[in-house]
Amino acid sequence: MVVKVQNNSTITPEHLMLGFLSLGEGVAVELLRDLVIDTEAFRSHLIEALYGK
């Protein structure tokens, strides 16, 4: 799991989605897979959007 401390206590939808993806299972992950979304690529995109990496 990716964790980075910032001076911001706001939890965004992107943070929640990273949490869902880190589980590797569940309704959110199954929905993404049903939509033929590459969950690893999506996870990488979220990390880059949030943390600039």
PDB file of N, CA and C in Angstrom:
ATOM      1  N   MET A   1       0.840  -1.176   0.000  1.00  0.00           N
ATOM      2  CA  MET A   1       0.000   0.000   0.000  1.00  0.00           C
ATOM      3  C   MET A   1       0.886   1.240   0.000  1.00  0.00           C
ATOM      4  N   VAL A   2       0.437   2.248  -0.694  1.00  0.00           N
ATOM      5  CA  VAL A   2       1.186   3.489  -0.794  1.00  0.00           C
ATOM      6  C   VAL A   2       0.699   4.457   0.270  1.00  0.00           C
ATOM      7  N   VAL A   3       1.629   4.968   1.032  1.00  0.00           N
ATOM      8  CA  VAL A   3       1.292   5.946   2.060  1.00  0.00           C
ATOM      9  C   VAL A   3       2.298   7.079   1.959  1.00  0.00           C
ATOM     10  N   LYS A   4       1.790   8.286   1.945  1.00  0.00           N
ATOM     11  CA  LYS A   4       2.677   9.440   1.923  1.00  0.00           C
ATOM     12  C   LYS A   4       2.074  10.485   2.842  1.00  0.00           C
ATOM     13  N   VAL A   5       2.875  10.976   3.766  1.00  0.00           N
ATOM     14  CA  VAL A   5       2.405  11.971   4.730  1.00  0.00           C
ATOM     15  C   VAL A   5       2.485  13.339   4.080  1.00  0.00           C
ATOM     16  N   GLN A   6       1.375  14.049   4.120  1.00  0.00           N
ATOM     17  CA  GLN A   6       1.319  15.404   3.609  1.00  0.00           C
ATOM     18  C   GLN A   6       0.639  16.259   4.659  1.00  0.00           C
ATOM     19  N   ASN A   7       0.758  17.547   4.517  1.00  0.00           N
ATOM     20  CA  ASN A   7       0.113  18.461   5.450  1.00  0.00           C
ATOM     21  C   ASN A   7      -1.330  18.694   5.051  1.00  0.00           C
ATOM     22  N   ASN A   8      -2.040  17.626   4.776  1.00  0.00           N
ATOM     23  CA  ASN A   8      -3.425  17.719   4.348  1.00  0.00           C
ATOM     24  C   ASN A   8      -4.177  16.521   4.908  1.00  0.00           C
ATOM     25  N   SER A   9      -5.237  16.780   5.635  1.00  0.00           N
ATOM     26  CA  SER A   9      -5.989  15.692   6.252  1.00  0.00           C
ATOM     27  C   SER A   9      -7.244  15.337   5.462  1.00  0.00           C
ATOM     28  N   THR A  10      -7.366  15.847   4.241  1.00  0.00           N
ATOM     29  CA  THR A  10      -8.528  15.583   3.411  1.00  0.00           C
ATOM     30  C   THR A  10      -8.398  14.227   2.724  1.00  0.00           C
ATOM     31  N   ILE A  11      -9.462  13.451   2.794  1.00  0.00           N
ATOM     32  CA  ILE A  11      -9.514  12.179   2.081  1.00  0.00           C
ATOM     33  C   ILE A  11     -10.358  12.409   0.832  1.00  0.00           C
ATOM     34  N   THR A  12      -9.754  12.182  -0.314  1.00  0.00           N
ATOM     35  CA  THR A  12     -10.430  12.416  -1.585  1.00  0.00           C
ATOM     36  C   THR A  12     -10.965  11.100  -2.155  1.00  0.00           C
ATOM     37  N   PRO A  13     -11.809  11.177  -3.171  1.00  0.00           N
ATOM     38  CA  PRO A  13     -12.269   9.945  -3.825  1.00  0.00           C
ATOM     39  C   PRO A  13     -11.103   9.112  -4.357  1.00  0.00           C
ATOM     40  N   GLU A  14     -10.031   9.786  -4.771  1.00  0.00           N
ATOM     41  CA  GLU A  14      -8.863   9.063  -5.262  1.00  0.00           C
ATOM     42  C   GLU A  14      -8.241   8.212  -4.157  1.00  0.00           C
ATOM     43  N   HIS A  15      -8.189   8.756  -2.945  1.00  0.00           N
ATOM     44  CA  HIS A  15      -7.665   7.992  -1.808  1.00  0.00           C
ATOM     45  C   HIS A  15      -8.536   6.764  -1.534  1.00  0.00           C
ATOM     46  N   LEU A  16      -9.836   6.946  -1.600  1.00  0.00           N
ATOM     47  CA  LEU A  16     -10.750   5.821  -1.372  1.00  0.00           C
ATOM     48  C   LEU A  16     -10.569   4.746  -2.434  1.00  0.00           C
ATOM     49  N   MET A  17     -10.432   5.173  -3.684  1.00  0.00           N
ATOM     50  CA  MET A  17     -10.259   4.202  -4.760  1.00  0.00           C
ATOM     51  C   MET A  17      -8.958   3.435  -4.598  1.00  0.00           C
ATOM     52  N   LEU A  18      -7.891   4.104  -4.169  1.00  0.00           N
ATOM     53  CA  LEU A  18      -6.633   3.401  -3.898  1.00  0.00           C
ATOM     54  C   LEU A  18      -6.828   2.345  -2.809  1.00  0.00           C
ATOM     55  N   GLY A  19      -7.626   2.686  -1.813  1.00  0.00           N
ATOM     56  CA  GLY A  19      -7.919   1.722  -0.757  1.00  0.00           C
ATOM     57  C   GLY A  19      -8.650   0.508  -1.299  1.00  0.00           C
ATOM     58  N   PHE A  20      -9.650   0.745  -2.146  1.00  0.00           N
ATOM     59  CA  PHE A  20     -10.389  -0.364  -2.755  1.00  0.00           C
ATOM     60  C   PHE A  20      -9.461  -1.222  -3.608  1.00  0.00           C
ATOM     61  N   LEU A  21      -8.620  -0.576  -4.397  1.00  0.00           N
ATOM     62  CA  LEU A  21      -7.708  -1.313  -5.272  1.00  0.00           C
ATOM     63  C   LEU A  21      -6.682  -2.113  -4.478  1.00  0.00           C
ATOM     64  N   SER A  22      -6.276  -1.593  -3.324  1.00  0.00           N
ATOM     65  CA  SER A  22      -5.276  -2.308  -2.520  1.00  0.00           C
ATOM     66  C   SER A  22      -5.832  -3.616  -1.969  1.00  0.00           C
ATOM     67  N   LEU A  23      -7.150  -3.698  -1.832  1.00  0.00           N
ATOM     68  CA  LEU A  23      -7.764  -4.942  -1.369  1.00  0.00           C
ATOM     69  C   LEU A  23      -7.705  -6.026  -2.442  1.00  0.00           C
ATOM     70  N   GLY A  24      -7.758  -5.609  -3.691  1.00  0.00           N
ATOM     71  CA  GLY A  24      -7.681  -6.558  -4.794  1.00  0.00           C
ATOM     72  C   GLY A  24      -8.948  -7.346  -5.037  1.00  0.00           C
ATOM     73  N   GLU A  25      -9.983  -7.053  -4.281  1.00  0.00           N
ATOM     74  CA  GLU A  25     -11.259  -7.738  -4.452  1.00  0.00           C
ATOM     75  C   GLU A  25     -12.371  -6.821  -3.954  1.00  0.00           C
ATOM     76  N   GLY A  26     -13.589  -7.219  -4.163  1.00  0.00           N
ATOM     77  CA  GLY A  26     -14.722  -6.425  -3.729  1.00  0.00           C
ATOM     78  C   GLY A  26     -15.492  -5.862  -4.913  1.00  0.00           C
ATOM     79  N   VAL A  27     -16.603  -5.223  -4.600  1.00  0.00           N
ATOM     80  CA  VAL A  27     -17.509  -4.729  -5.631  1.00  0.00           C
ATOM     81  C   VAL A  27     -16.827  -3.704  -6.530  1.00  0.00           C
ATOM     82  N   ALA A  28     -16.086  -2.770  -5.961  1.00  0.00           N
ATOM     83  CA  ALA A  28     -15.441  -1.724  -6.768  1.00  0.00           C
ATOM     84  C   ALA A  28     -14.445  -2.332  -7.752  1.00  0.00           C
ATOM     85  N   VAL A  29     -13.634  -3.250  -7.288  1.00  0.00           N
ATOM     86  CA  VAL A  29     -12.630  -3.878  -8.153  1.00  0.00           C
ATOM     87  C   VAL A  29     -13.307  -4.736  -9.219  1.00  0.00           C
ATOM     88  N   GLU A  30     -14.319  -5.473  -8.849  1.00  0.00           N
ATOM     89  CA  GLU A  30     -15.044  -6.298  -9.821  1.00  0.00           C
ATOM     90  C   GLU A  30     -15.714  -5.434 -10.883  1.00  0.00           C
ATOM     91  N   LEU A  31     -16.280  -4.301 -10.489  1.00  0.00           N
ATOM     92  CA  LEU A  31     -16.901  -3.394 -11.445  1.00  0.00           C
ATOM     93  C   LEU A  31     -15.873  -2.876 -12.447  1.00  0.00           C
ATOM     94  N   LEU A  32     -14.715  -2.470 -11.958  1.00  0.00           N
ATOM     95  CA  LEU A  32     -13.659  -2.000 -12.857  1.00  0.00           C
ATOM     96  C   LEU A  32     -13.237  -3.102 -13.826  1.00  0.00           C
ATOM     97  N   ARG A  33     -13.099  -4.304 -13.327  1.00  0.00           N
ATOM     98  CA  ARG A  33     -12.702  -5.420 -14.186  1.00  0.00           C
ATOM     99  C   ARG A  33     -13.793  -5.746 -15.202  1.00  0.00           C
ATOM    100  N   ASP A  34     -15.053  -5.674 -14.772  1.00  0.00           N
ATOM    101  CA  ASP A  34     -16.168  -5.895 -15.703  1.00  0.00           C
ATOM    102  C   ASP A  34     -16.173  -4.866 -16.822  1.00  0.00           C
ATOM    103  N   LEU A  35     -15.696  -3.659 -16.521  1.00  0.00           N
ATOM    104  CA  LEU A  35     -15.609  -2.586 -17.520  1.00  0.00           C
ATOM    105  C   LEU A  35     -14.299  -2.658 -18.312  1.00  0.00           C
ATOM    106  N   VAL A  36     -13.551  -3.736 -18.101  1.00  0.00           N
ATOM    107  CA  VAL A  36     -12.280  -4.004 -18.773  1.00  0.00           C
ATOM    108  C   VAL A  36     -11.290  -2.858 -18.539  1.00  0.00           C
ATOM    109  N   ILE A  37     -11.203  -2.439 -17.289  1.00  0.00           N
ATOM    110  CA  ILE A  37     -10.251  -1.415 -16.876  1.00  0.00           C
ATOM    111  C   ILE A  37      -9.074  -2.121 -16.219  1.00  0.00           C
ATOM    112  N   ASP A  38      -7.894  -1.817 -16.675  1.00  0.00           N
ATOM    113  CA  ASP A  38      -6.670  -2.380 -16.108  1.00  0.00           C
ATOM    114  C   ASP A  38      -6.472  -1.755 -14.723  1.00  0.00           C
ATOM    115  N   THR A  39      -6.719  -2.524 -13.679  1.00  0.00           N
ATOM    116  CA  THR A  39      -6.687  -1.969 -12.321  1.00  0.00           C
ATOM    117  C   THR A  39      -5.292  -1.534 -11.900  1.00  0.00           C
ATOM    118  N   GLU A  40      -4.256  -2.207 -12.385  1.00  0.00           N
ATOM    119  CA  GLU A  40      -2.887  -1.797 -12.041  1.00  0.00           C
ATOM    120  C   GLU A  40      -2.536  -0.472 -12.706  1.00  0.00           C
ATOM    121  N   ALA A  41      -2.925  -0.307 -13.954  1.00  0.00           N
ATOM    122  CA  ALA A  41      -2.670   0.957 -14.652  1.00  0.00           C
ATOM    123  C   ALA A  41      -3.471   2.081 -14.001  1.00  0.00           C
ATOM    124  N   PHE A  42      -4.696   1.786 -13.611  1.00  0.00           N
ATOM    125  CA  PHE A  42      -5.547   2.773 -12.946  1.00  0.00           C
ATOM    126  C   PHE A  42      -4.938   3.180 -11.606  1.00  0.00           C
ATOM    127  N   ARG A  43      -4.440   2.193 -10.877  1.00  0.00           N
ATOM    128  CA  ARG A  43      -3.793   2.461  -9.588  1.00  0.00           C
ATOM    129  C   ARG A  43      -2.567   3.357  -9.784  1.00  0.00           C
ATOM    130  N   SER A  44      -1.753   3.051 -10.782  1.00  0.00           N
ATOM    131  CA  SER A  44      -0.568   3.864 -11.073  1.00  0.00           C
ATOM    132  C   SER A  44      -0.954   5.294 -11.425  1.00  0.00           C
ATOM    133  N   HIS A  45      -2.009   5.438 -12.204  1.00  0.00           N
ATOM    134  CA  HIS A  45      -2.488   6.768 -12.581  1.00  0.00           C
ATOM    135  C   HIS A  45      -2.944   7.552 -11.350  1.00  0.00           C
ATOM    136  N   LEU A  46      -3.651   6.893 -10.451  1.00  0.00           N
ATOM    137  CA  LEU A  46      -4.109   7.554  -9.220  1.00  0.00           C
ATOM    138  C   LEU A  46      -2.935   8.018  -8.366  1.00  0.00           C
ATOM    139  N   ILE A  47      -1.933   7.159  -8.232  1.00  0.00           N
ATOM    140  CA  ILE A  47      -0.747   7.518  -7.431  1.00  0.00           C
ATOM    141  C   ILE A  47      -0.043   8.724  -8.043  1.00  0.00           C
ATOM    142  N   GLU A  48       0.092   8.705  -9.366  1.00  0.00           N
ATOM    143  CA  GLU A  48       0.742   9.843 -10.038  1.00  0.00           C
ATOM    144  C   GLU A  48      -0.068  11.126  -9.848  1.00  0.00           C
ATOM    145  N   ALA A  49      -1.381  11.022  -9.965  1.00  0.00           N
ATOM    146  CA  ALA A  49      -2.248  12.198  -9.802  1.00  0.00           C
ATOM    147  C   ALA A  49      -2.178  12.749  -8.378  1.00  0.00           C
ATOM    148  N   LEU A  50      -2.111  11.856  -7.413  1.00  0.00           N
ATOM    149  CA  LEU A  50      -2.099  12.288  -6.005  1.00  0.00           C
ATOM    150  C   LEU A  50      -0.737  12.760  -5.527  1.00  0.00           C
ATOM    151  N   TYR A  51       0.305  12.042  -5.924  1.00  0.00           N
ATOM    152  CA  TYR A  51       1.616  12.257  -5.335  1.00  0.00           C
ATOM    153  C   TYR A  51       2.687  12.708  -6.330  1.00  0.00           C
ATOM    154  N   GLY A  52       2.324  12.773  -7.613  1.00  0.00           N
ATOM    155  CA  GLY A  52       3.275  13.238  -8.600  1.00  0.00           C
ATOM    156  C   GLY A  52       4.408  12.291  -8.898  1.00  0.00           C
ATOM    157  N   LYS A  53       4.182  10.993  -8.710  1.00  0.00           N
ATOM    158  CA  LYS A  53       5.236  10.000  -8.999  1.00  0.00           C
ATOM    159  C   LYS A  53       4.839   9.179 -10.176  1.00  0.00           C
TER     160      LYS A  53
END
